[in-house]
C-alpha atoms as a PDB file:
ATOM      1  CA  UNK A   1       0.000   0.000   0.000  1.00  0.00           C
ATOM      2  CA  UNK A   2       1.218   3.459  -0.848  1.00  0.00           C
ATOM      3  CA  UNK A   3       1.574   5.742   2.181  1.00  0.00           C
ATOM      4  CA  UNK A   4       0.115   9.232   1.603  1.00  0.00           C
ATOM      5  CA  UNK A   5       2.772  11.959   1.516  1.00  0.00           C
ATOM      6  CA  UNK A   6       1.037  13.691   4.463  1.00  0.00           C
ATOM      7  CA  UNK A   7       2.694  11.057   6.669  1.00  0.00           C
ATOM      8  CA  UNK A   8       6.234  11.717   5.405  1.00  0.00           C
ATOM      9  CA  UNK A   9       7.114  13.124   8.827  1.00  0.00           C
ATOM     10  CA  UNK A  10       9.904  11.477  10.864  1.00  0.00           C
ATOM     11  CA  UNK A  11       7.586  10.566  13.755  1.00  0.00           C
ATOM     12  CA  UNK A  12       4.986   9.043  11.375  1.00  0.00           C
ATOM     13  CA  UNK A  13       7.678   7.067   9.552  1.00  0.00           C
ATOM     14  CA  UNK A  14       8.942   5.728  12.896  1.00  0.00           C
ATOM     15  CA  UNK A  15       5.443   4.539  13.843  1.00  0.00           C
ATOM     16  CA  UNK A  16       4.768   2.995  10.426  1.00  0.00           C
ATOM     17  CA  UNK A  17       8.089   1.152  10.424  1.00  0.00           C
ATOM     18  CA  UNK A  18       7.520  -0.305  13.899  1.00  0.00           C
ATOM     19  CA  UNK A  19       5.580  -3.429  14.917  1.00  0.00           C
ATOM     20  CA  UNK A  20       2.178  -2.663  13.339  1.00  0.00           C
ATOM     21  CA  UNK A  21      -0.434  -4.869  11.691  1.00  0.00           C
ATOM     22  CA  UNK A  22      -3.672  -4.506   9.721  1.00  0.00           C
ATOM     23  CA  UNK A  23      -2.515  -1.305   7.973  1.00  0.00           C
ATOM     24  CA  UNK A  24      -5.384   0.159   5.916  1.00  0.00           C
ATOM     25  CA  UNK A  25      -6.181   3.353   4.096  1.00  0.00           C
ATOM     26  CA  UNK A  26      -9.422   4.117   5.958  1.00  0.00           C
ATOM     27  CA  UNK A  27     -10.968   6.179   3.168  1.00  0.00           C
ATOM     28  CA  UNK A  28     -10.751   3.182   0.831  1.00  0.00           C
ATOM     29  CA  UNK A  29     -12.366   0.873   3.426  1.00  0.00           C
ATOM     30  CA  UNK A  30     -15.364   3.197   3.910  1.00  0.00           C
ATOM     31  CA  UNK A  31     -16.089   3.083   0.180  1.00  0.00           C
ATOM     32  CA  UNK A  32     -15.931  -0.735  -0.163  1.00  0.00           C
ATOM     33  CA  UNK A  33     -19.281  -2.172  -1.294  1.00  0.00           C
ATOM     34  CA  UNK A  34     -18.930  -5.116   1.134  1.00  0.00           C
ATOM     35  CA  UNK A  35     -18.605  -2.835   4.193  1.00  0.00           C
ATOM     36  CA  UNK A  36     -21.746  -3.366   6.366  1.00  0.00           C
ATOM     37  CA  UNK A  37     -21.275  -0.029   8.210  1.00  0.00           C
ATOM     38  CA  UNK A  38     -21.857   3.015   5.996  1.00  0.00           C
ATOM     39  CA  UNK A  39     -19.852   5.605   7.977  1.00  0.00           C
ATOM     40  CA  UNK A  40     -21.193   8.248   5.600  1.00  0.00           C
ATOM     41  CA  UNK A  41     -20.145  10.956   8.098  1.00  0.00           C
ATOM     42  CA  UNK A  42     -16.571  10.124   7.162  1.00  0.00           C
ATOM     43  CA  UNK A  43     -17.016   8.977   3.570  1.00  0.00           C
ATOM     44  CA  UNK A  44     -19.225  11.830   2.393  1.00  0.00           C
ATOM     45  CA  UNK A  45     -18.453  14.662   4.800  1.00  0.00           C
ATOM     46  CA  UNK A  46     -14.990  14.390   6.340  1.00  0.00           C
ATOM     47  CA  UNK A  47     -12.765  12.666   3.767  1.00  0.00           C
ATOM     48  CA  UNK A  48     -12.122  15.837   1.779  1.00  0.00           C
ATOM     49  CA  UNK A  49      -9.014  17.857   0.860  1.00  0.00           C
ATOM     50  CA  UNK A  50      -9.794  20.368   3.648  1.00  0.00           C
ATOM     51  CA  UNK A  51     -11.036  18.135   6.503  1.00  0.00           C
ATOM     52  CA  UNK A  52      -9.501  14.648   6.926  1.00  0.00           C
ATOM     53  CA  UNK A  53      -7.027  14.752   4.069  1.00  0.00           C
ATOM     54  CA  UNK A  54      -5.627  11.259   4.710  1.00  0.00           C
ATOM     55  CA  UNK A  55      -6.162   8.500   7.270  1.00  0.00           C
ATOM     56  CA  UNK A  56      -4.280   5.305   7.990  1.00  0.00           C
ATOM     57  CA  UNK A  57      -5.586   2.728  10.455  1.00  0.00           C
ATOM     58  CA  UNK A  58      -3.517  -0.021  12.061  1.00  0.00           C
ATOM     59  CA  UNK A  59      -3.068  -2.118  15.173  1.00  0.00           C
ATOM     60  CA  UNK A  60       0.049  -2.384  17.323  1.00  0.00           C
ATOM     61  CA  UNK A  61       1.087  -3.786  20.713  1.00  0.00           C
ATOM     62  CA  UNK A  62      -0.062  -1.602  23.599  1.00  0.00           C
ATOM     63  CA  UNK A  63       1.863  -0.527  26.651  1.00  0.00           C
ATOM     64  CA  UNK A  64      -1.274   0.661  28.452  1.00  0.00           C
ATOM     65  CA  UNK A  65      -1.473  -1.225  31.784  1.00  0.00           C
ATOM     66  CA  UNK A  66      -5.296  -1.174  31.918  1.00  0.00           C
ATOM     67  CA  UNK A  67      -5.780  -2.776  28.481  1.00  0.00           C
ATOM     68  CA  UNK A  68      -7.510  -6.172  28.494  1.00  0.00           C
ATOM     69  CA  UNK A  69      -5.967  -7.018  25.111  1.00  0.00           C
ATOM     70  CA  UNK A  70      -2.288  -6.950  24.086  1.00  0.00           C
ATOM     71  CA  UNK A  71      -3.006  -4.494  21.242  1.00  0.00           C
ATOM     72  CA  UNK A  72      -4.332  -0.999  20.573  1.00  0.00           C
ATOM     73  CA  UNK A  73      -6.059   0.452  17.524  1.00  0.00           C
ATOM     74  CA  UNK A  74      -4.469   3.505  15.939  1.00  0.00           C
ATOM     75  CA  UNK A  75      -5.280   6.175  13.362  1.00  0.00           C
ATOM     76  CA  UNK A  76      -2.850   8.557  11.780  1.00  0.00           C
ATOM     77  CA  UNK A  77      -4.903  11.527  10.585  1.00  0.00           C
ATOM     78  CA  UNK A  78      -3.844  14.399   8.366  1.00  0.00           C
ATOM     79  CA  UNK A  79      -6.308  17.185   9.059  1.00  0.00           C
ATOM     80  CA  UNK A  80      -6.981  20.497   7.385  1.00  0.00           C
ATOM     81  CA  UNK A  81      -8.728  23.743   8.232  1.00  0.00           C
ATOM     82  CA  UNK A  82     -12.134  22.371   7.191  1.00  0.00           C
ATOM     83  CA  UNK A  83     -12.593  21.068  10.750  1.00  0.00           C
ATOM     84  CA  UNK A  84     -11.709  24.340  12.487  1.00  0.00           C
ATOM     85  CA  UNK A  85     -13.749  25.890  15.262  1.00  0.00           C
ATOM     86  CA  UNK A  86     -11.353  28.793  15.756  1.00  0.00           C
ATOM     87  CA  UNK A  87      -8.959  29.512  12.883  1.00  0.00           C
ATOM     88  CA  UNK A  88      -6.020  27.124  13.157  1.00  0.00           C
ATOM     89  CA  UNK A  89      -7.681  24.886  15.776  1.00  0.00           C
ATOM     90  CA  UNK A  90      -9.878  21.829  15.367  1.00  0.00           C
ATOM     91  CA  UNK A  91     -13.441  22.197  16.623  1.00  0.00           C
ATOM     92  CA  UNK A  92     -13.984  20.460  19.972  1.00  0.00           C
ATOM     93  CA  UNK A  93     -16.785  18.430  18.412  1.00  0.00           C
ATOM     94  CA  UNK A  94     -14.255  16.984  15.974  1.00  0.00           C
ATOM     95  CA  UNK A  95     -12.227  15.684  18.923  1.00  0.00           C
ATOM     96  CA  UNK A  96     -15.326  13.958  20.307  1.00  0.00           C
ATOM     97  CA  UNK A  97     -16.230  12.537  16.909  1.00  0.00           C
ATOM     98  CA  UNK A  98     -12.761  11.072  16.380  1.00  0.00           C
ATOM     99  CA  UNK A  99     -12.654   9.625  19.911  1.00  0.00           C
ATOM    100  CA  UNK A 100     -16.114   8.087  19.374  1.00  0.00           C
ATOM    101  CA  UNK A 101     -14.989   6.581  16.062  1.00  0.00           C
ATOM    102  CA  UNK A 102     -11.847   5.110  17.626  1.00  0.00           C
ATOM    103  CA  UNK A 103     -13.567   3.738  20.710  1.00  0.00           C
ATOM    104  CA  UNK A 104     -16.409   2.307  18.614  1.00  0.00           C
ATOM    105  CA  UNK A 105     -14.036   0.511  16.248  1.00  0.00           C
ATOM    106  CA  UNK A 106     -12.139  -0.893  19.211  1.00  0.00           C
ATOM    107  CA  UNK A 107     -15.328  -2.037  20.959  1.00  0.00           C
ATOM    108  CA  UNK A 108     -16.432  -3.705  17.726  1.00  0.00           C
ATOM    109  CA  UNK A 109     -13.212  -5.723  17.569  1.00  0.00           C
ATOM    110  CA  UNK A 110     -13.556  -6.875  21.175  1.00  0.00           C
ATOM    111  CA  UNK A 111     -17.251  -7.736  20.975  1.00  0.00           C
ATOM    112  CA  UNK A 112     -17.341  -9.008  17.372  1.00  0.00           C
ATOM    113  CA  UNK A 113     -20.429  -6.807  16.928  1.00  0.00           C
ATOM    114  CA  UNK A 114     -20.607  -4.834  13.649  1.00  0.00           C
ATOM    115  CA  UNK A 115     -21.706  -1.583  15.227  1.00  0.00           C
ATOM    116  CA  UNK A 116     -22.062  -1.476  19.007  1.00  0.00           C
ATOM    117  CA  UNK A 117     -23.908   1.623  20.207  1.00  0.00           C
ATOM    118  CA  UNK A 118     -22.258   4.356  22.235  1.00  0.00           C
ATOM    119  CA  UNK A 119     -23.986   4.465  25.632  1.00  0.00           C
ATOM    120  CA  UNK A 120     -21.798   7.138  27.201  1.00  0.00           C
ATOM    121  CA  UNK A 121     -18.521   8.883  26.506  1.00  0.00           C
ATOM    122  CA  UNK A 122     -16.471  11.288  28.598  1.00  0.00           C
ATOM    123  CA  UNK A 123     -14.003  13.566  26.825  1.00  0.00           C
ATOM    124  CA  UNK A 124     -11.197  15.474  28.501  1.00  0.00           C
ATOM    125  CA  UNK A 125      -9.811  18.328  26.398  1.00  0.00           C
ATOM    126  CA  UNK A 126      -6.164  18.943  27.272  1.00  0.00           C
ATOM    127  CA  UNK A 127      -4.700  21.104  24.479  1.00  0.00           C
ATOM    128  CA  UNK A 128      -5.838  22.484  21.120  1.00  0.00           C
ATOM    129  CA  UNK A 129      -5.372  20.427  17.974  1.00  0.00           C
ATOM    130  CA  UNK A 130      -3.585  22.654  15.481  1.00  0.00           C
ATOM    131  CA  UNK A 131      -4.726  22.649  11.872  1.00  0.00           C
ATOM    132  CA  UNK A 132      -3.462  21.845   9.402  1.00  0.00           C
ATOM    133  CA  UNK A 133      -1.499  19.012  10.954  1.00  0.00           C
ATOM    134  CA  UNK A 134      -1.098  15.316  11.648  1.00  0.00           C
ATOM    135  CA  UNK A 135      -2.316  13.567  14.799  1.00  0.00           C
ATOM    136  CA  UNK A 136      -2.190  10.075  16.250  1.00  0.00           C
ATOM    137  CA  UNK A 137      -5.331   8.553  17.779  1.00  0.00           C
ATOM    138  CA  UNK A 138      -5.046   5.429  19.951  1.00  0.00           C
ATOM    139  CA  UNK A 139      -7.739   3.247  21.514  1.00  0.00           C
ATOM    140  CA  UNK A 140      -7.667   0.154  23.740  1.00  0.00           C
ATOM    141  CA  UNK A 141     -10.314  -1.911  25.546  1.00  0.00           C
ATOM    142  CA  UNK A 142     -10.306  -1.756  29.350  1.00  0.00           C
ATOM    143  CA  UNK A 143     -13.290  -3.929  30.333  1.00  0.00           C
ATOM    144  CA  UNK A 144     -15.781  -6.366  28.818  1.00  0.00           C
ATOM    145  CA  UNK A 145     -18.893  -7.543  30.672  1.00  0.00           C
ATOM    146  CA  UNK A 146     -21.772  -9.280  28.906  1.00  0.00           C
ATOM    147  CA  UNK A 147     -22.853  -6.976  26.050  1.00  0.00           C
ATOM    148  CA  UNK A 148     -20.876  -4.007  27.469  1.00  0.00           C
ATOM    149  CA  UNK A 149     -17.405  -2.901  26.417  1.00  0.00           C
ATOM    150  CA  UNK A 150     -15.450   0.005  27.948  1.00  0.00           C
ATOM    151  CA  UNK A 151     -12.724   1.596  25.849  1.00  0.00           C
ATOM    152  CA  UNK A 152     -10.187   4.371  26.431  1.00  0.00           C
ATOM    153  CA  UNK A 153      -8.703   6.554  23.678  1.00  0.00           C
ATOM    154  CA  UNK A 154      -6.241   9.408  23.243  1.00  0.00           C
ATOM    155  CA  UNK A 155      -5.488  12.011  20.597  1.00  0.00           C
ATOM    156  CA  UNK A 156      -1.783  12.904  20.574  1.00  0.00           C
ATOM    157  CA  UNK A 157       0.588  15.066  18.609  1.00  0.00           C
ATOM    158  CA  UNK A 158       3.855  13.850  17.084  1.00  0.00           C
ATOM    159  CA  UNK A 159       5.670  14.165  20.387  1.00  0.00           C
ATOM    160  CA  UNK A 160       3.156  12.068  22.333  1.00  0.00           C
ATOM    161  CA  UNK A 161       1.525  15.112  23.967  1.00  0.00           C
ATOM    162  CA  UNK A 162      -2.065  14.392  25.045  1.00  0.00           C
ATOM    163  CA  UNK A 163      -4.469  16.694  23.191  1.00  0.00           C
ATOM    164  CA  UNK A 164      -7.723  14.978  24.198  1.00  0.00           C
ATOM    165  CA  UNK A 165      -8.659  11.731  25.881  1.00  0.00           C
ATOM    166  CA  UNK A 166     -11.803   9.834  26.557  1.00  0.00           C
ATOM    167  CA  UNK A 167     -13.499   6.772  27.932  1.00  0.00           C
ATOM    168  CA  UNK A 168     -16.608   5.269  26.390  1.00  0.00           C
ATOM    169  CA  UNK A 169     -19.121   2.518  27.110  1.00  0.00           C
ATOM    170  CA  UNK A 170     -20.542   0.559  24.176  1.00  0.00           C
ATOM    171  CA  UNK A 171     -23.496  -1.819  24.177  1.00  0.00           C
ATOM    172  CA  UNK A 172     -23.817  -4.665  21.659  1.00  0.00           C
ATOM    173  CA  UNK A 173     -27.184  -5.146  20.001  1.00  0.00           C
ATOM    174  CA  UNK A 174     -29.346  -7.870  21.529  1.00  0.00           C
ATOM    175  CA  UNK A 175     -29.067 -11.143  19.646  1.00  0.00           C
ATOM    176  CA  UNK A 176     -31.899 -11.643  17.167  1.00  0.00           C
ATOM    177  CA  UNK A 177     -34.369 -14.296  18.345  1.00  0.00           C
ATOM    178  CA  UNK A 178     -35.493 -16.672  15.648  1.00  0.00           C
END
Protein backbone atom coordinates (compact mmCIF):
# COMPACT_ATOMS: atom_id res chain seq x y z
CA UNK A 1 0.00 0.00 0.00
CA UNK A 2 1.22 3.46 -0.85
CA UNK A 3 1.57 5.74 2.18
CA UNK A 4 0.12 9.23 1.60
CA UNK A 5 2.77 11.96 1.52
CA UNK A 6 1.04 13.69 4.46
CA UNK A 7 2.69 11.06 6.67
CA UNK A 8 6.23 11.72 5.40
CA UNK A 9 7.11 13.12 8.83
CA UNK A 10 9.90 11.48 10.86
CA UNK A 11 7.59 10.57 13.76
CA UNK A 12 4.99 9.04 11.38
CA UNK A 13 7.68 7.07 9.55
CA UNK A 14 8.94 5.73 12.90
CA UNK A 15 5.44 4.54 13.84
CA UNK A 16 4.77 2.99 10.43
CA UNK A 17 8.09 1.15 10.42
CA UNK A 18 7.52 -0.31 13.90
CA UNK A 19 5.58 -3.43 14.92
CA UNK A 20 2.18 -2.66 13.34
CA UNK A 21 -0.43 -4.87 11.69
CA UNK A 22 -3.67 -4.51 9.72
CA UNK A 23 -2.51 -1.31 7.97
CA UNK A 24 -5.38 0.16 5.92
CA UNK A 25 -6.18 3.35 4.10
CA UNK A 26 -9.42 4.12 5.96
CA UNK A 27 -10.97 6.18 3.17
CA UNK A 28 -10.75 3.18 0.83
CA UNK A 29 -12.37 0.87 3.43
CA UNK A 30 -15.36 3.20 3.91
CA UNK A 31 -16.09 3.08 0.18
CA UNK A 32 -15.93 -0.74 -0.16
CA UNK A 33 -19.28 -2.17 -1.29
CA UNK A 34 -18.93 -5.12 1.13
CA UNK A 35 -18.60 -2.83 4.19
CA UNK A 36 -21.75 -3.37 6.37
CA UNK A 37 -21.28 -0.03 8.21
CA UNK A 38 -21.86 3.01 6.00
CA UNK A 39 -19.85 5.60 7.98
CA UNK A 40 -21.19 8.25 5.60
CA UNK A 41 -20.14 10.96 8.10
CA UNK A 42 -16.57 10.12 7.16
CA UNK A 43 -17.02 8.98 3.57
CA UNK A 44 -19.23 11.83 2.39
CA UNK A 45 -18.45 14.66 4.80
CA UNK A 46 -14.99 14.39 6.34
CA UNK A 47 -12.77 12.67 3.77
CA UNK A 48 -12.12 15.84 1.78
CA UNK A 49 -9.01 17.86 0.86
CA UNK A 50 -9.79 20.37 3.65
CA UNK A 51 -11.04 18.14 6.50
CA UNK A 52 -9.50 14.65 6.93
CA UNK A 53 -7.03 14.75 4.07
CA UNK A 54 -5.63 11.26 4.71
CA UNK A 55 -6.16 8.50 7.27
CA UNK A 56 -4.28 5.31 7.99
CA UNK A 57 -5.59 2.73 10.46
CA UNK A 58 -3.52 -0.02 12.06
CA UNK A 59 -3.07 -2.12 15.17
CA UNK A 60 0.05 -2.38 17.32
CA UNK A 61 1.09 -3.79 20.71
CA UNK A 62 -0.06 -1.60 23.60
CA UNK A 63 1.86 -0.53 26.65
CA UNK A 64 -1.27 0.66 28.45
CA UNK A 65 -1.47 -1.22 31.78
CA UNK A 66 -5.30 -1.17 31.92
CA UNK A 67 -5.78 -2.78 28.48
CA UNK A 68 -7.51 -6.17 28.49
CA UNK A 69 -5.97 -7.02 25.11
CA UNK A 70 -2.29 -6.95 24.09
CA UNK A 71 -3.01 -4.49 21.24
CA UNK A 72 -4.33 -1.00 20.57
CA UNK A 73 -6.06 0.45 17.52
CA UNK A 74 -4.47 3.51 15.94
CA UNK A 75 -5.28 6.18 13.36
CA UNK A 76 -2.85 8.56 11.78
CA UNK A 77 -4.90 11.53 10.59
CA UNK A 78 -3.84 14.40 8.37
CA UNK A 79 -6.31 17.19 9.06
CA UNK A 80 -6.98 20.50 7.39
CA UNK A 81 -8.73 23.74 8.23
CA UNK A 82 -12.13 22.37 7.19
CA UNK A 83 -12.59 21.07 10.75
CA UNK A 84 -11.71 24.34 12.49
CA UNK A 85 -13.75 25.89 15.26
CA UNK A 86 -11.35 28.79 15.76
CA UNK A 87 -8.96 29.51 12.88
CA UNK A 88 -6.02 27.12 13.16
CA UNK A 89 -7.68 24.89 15.78
CA UNK A 90 -9.88 21.83 15.37
CA UNK A 91 -13.44 22.20 16.62
CA UNK A 92 -13.98 20.46 19.97
CA UNK A 93 -16.78 18.43 18.41
CA UNK A 94 -14.26 16.98 15.97
CA UNK A 95 -12.23 15.68 18.92
CA UNK A 96 -15.33 13.96 20.31
CA UNK A 97 -16.23 12.54 16.91
CA UNK A 98 -12.76 11.07 16.38
CA UNK A 99 -12.65 9.63 19.91
CA UNK A 100 -16.11 8.09 19.37
CA UNK A 101 -14.99 6.58 16.06
CA UNK A 102 -11.85 5.11 17.63
CA UNK A 103 -13.57 3.74 20.71
CA UNK A 104 -16.41 2.31 18.61
CA UNK A 105 -14.04 0.51 16.25
CA UNK A 106 -12.14 -0.89 19.21
CA UNK A 107 -15.33 -2.04 20.96
CA UNK A 108 -16.43 -3.71 17.73
CA UNK A 109 -13.21 -5.72 17.57
CA UNK A 110 -13.56 -6.87 21.18
CA UNK A 111 -17.25 -7.74 20.98
CA UNK A 112 -17.34 -9.01 17.37
CA UNK A 113 -20.43 -6.81 16.93
CA UNK A 114 -20.61 -4.83 13.65
CA UNK A 115 -21.71 -1.58 15.23
CA UNK A 116 -22.06 -1.48 19.01
CA UNK A 117 -23.91 1.62 20.21
CA UNK A 118 -22.26 4.36 22.23
CA UNK A 119 -23.99 4.47 25.63
CA UNK A 120 -21.80 7.14 27.20
CA UNK A 121 -18.52 8.88 26.51
CA UNK A 122 -16.47 11.29 28.60
CA UNK A 123 -14.00 13.57 26.83
CA UNK A 124 -11.20 15.47 28.50
CA UNK A 125 -9.81 18.33 26.40
CA UNK A 126 -6.16 18.94 27.27
CA UNK A 127 -4.70 21.10 24.48
CA UNK A 128 -5.84 22.48 21.12
CA UNK A 129 -5.37 20.43 17.97
CA UNK A 130 -3.59 22.65 15.48
CA UNK A 131 -4.73 22.65 11.87
CA UNK A 132 -3.46 21.84 9.40
CA UNK A 133 -1.50 19.01 10.95
CA UNK A 134 -1.10 15.32 11.65
CA UNK A 135 -2.32 13.57 14.80
CA UNK A 136 -2.19 10.08 16.25
CA UNK A 137 -5.33 8.55 17.78
CA UNK A 138 -5.05 5.43 19.95
CA UNK A 139 -7.74 3.25 21.51
CA UNK A 140 -7.67 0.15 23.74
CA UNK A 141 -10.31 -1.91 25.55
CA UNK A 142 -10.31 -1.76 29.35
CA UNK A 143 -13.29 -3.93 30.33
CA UNK A 144 -15.78 -6.37 28.82
CA UNK A 145 -18.89 -7.54 30.67
CA UNK A 146 -21.77 -9.28 28.91
CA UNK A 147 -22.85 -6.98 26.05
CA UNK A 148 -20.88 -4.01 27.47
CA UNK A 149 -17.41 -2.90 26.42
CA UNK A 150 -15.45 0.00 27.95
CA UNK A 151 -12.72 1.60 25.85
CA UNK A 152 -10.19 4.37 26.43
CA UNK A 153 -8.70 6.55 23.68
CA UNK A 154 -6.24 9.41 23.24
CA UNK A 155 -5.49 12.01 20.60
CA UNK A 156 -1.78 12.90 20.57
CA UNK A 157 0.59 15.07 18.61
CA UNK A 158 3.85 13.85 17.08
CA UNK A 159 5.67 14.16 20.39
CA UNK A 160 3.16 12.07 22.33
CA UNK A 161 1.52 15.11 23.97
CA UNK A 162 -2.06 14.39 25.04
CA UNK A 163 -4.47 16.69 23.19
CA UNK A 164 -7.72 14.98 24.20
CA UNK A 165 -8.66 11.73 25.88
CA UNK A 166 -11.80 9.83 26.56
CA UNK A 167 -13.50 6.77 27.93
CA UNK A 168 -16.61 5.27 26.39
CA UNK A 169 -19.12 2.52 27.11
CA UNK A 170 -20.54 0.56 24.18
CA UNK A 171 -23.50 -1.82 24.18
CA UNK A 172 -23.82 -4.67 21.66
CA UNK A 173 -27.18 -5.15 20.00
CA UNK A 174 -29.35 -7.87 21.53
CA UNK A 175 -29.07 -11.14 19.65
CA UNK A 176 -31.90 -11.64 17.17
CA UNK A 177 -34.37 -14.30 18.35
CA UNK A 178 -35.49 -16.67 15.65
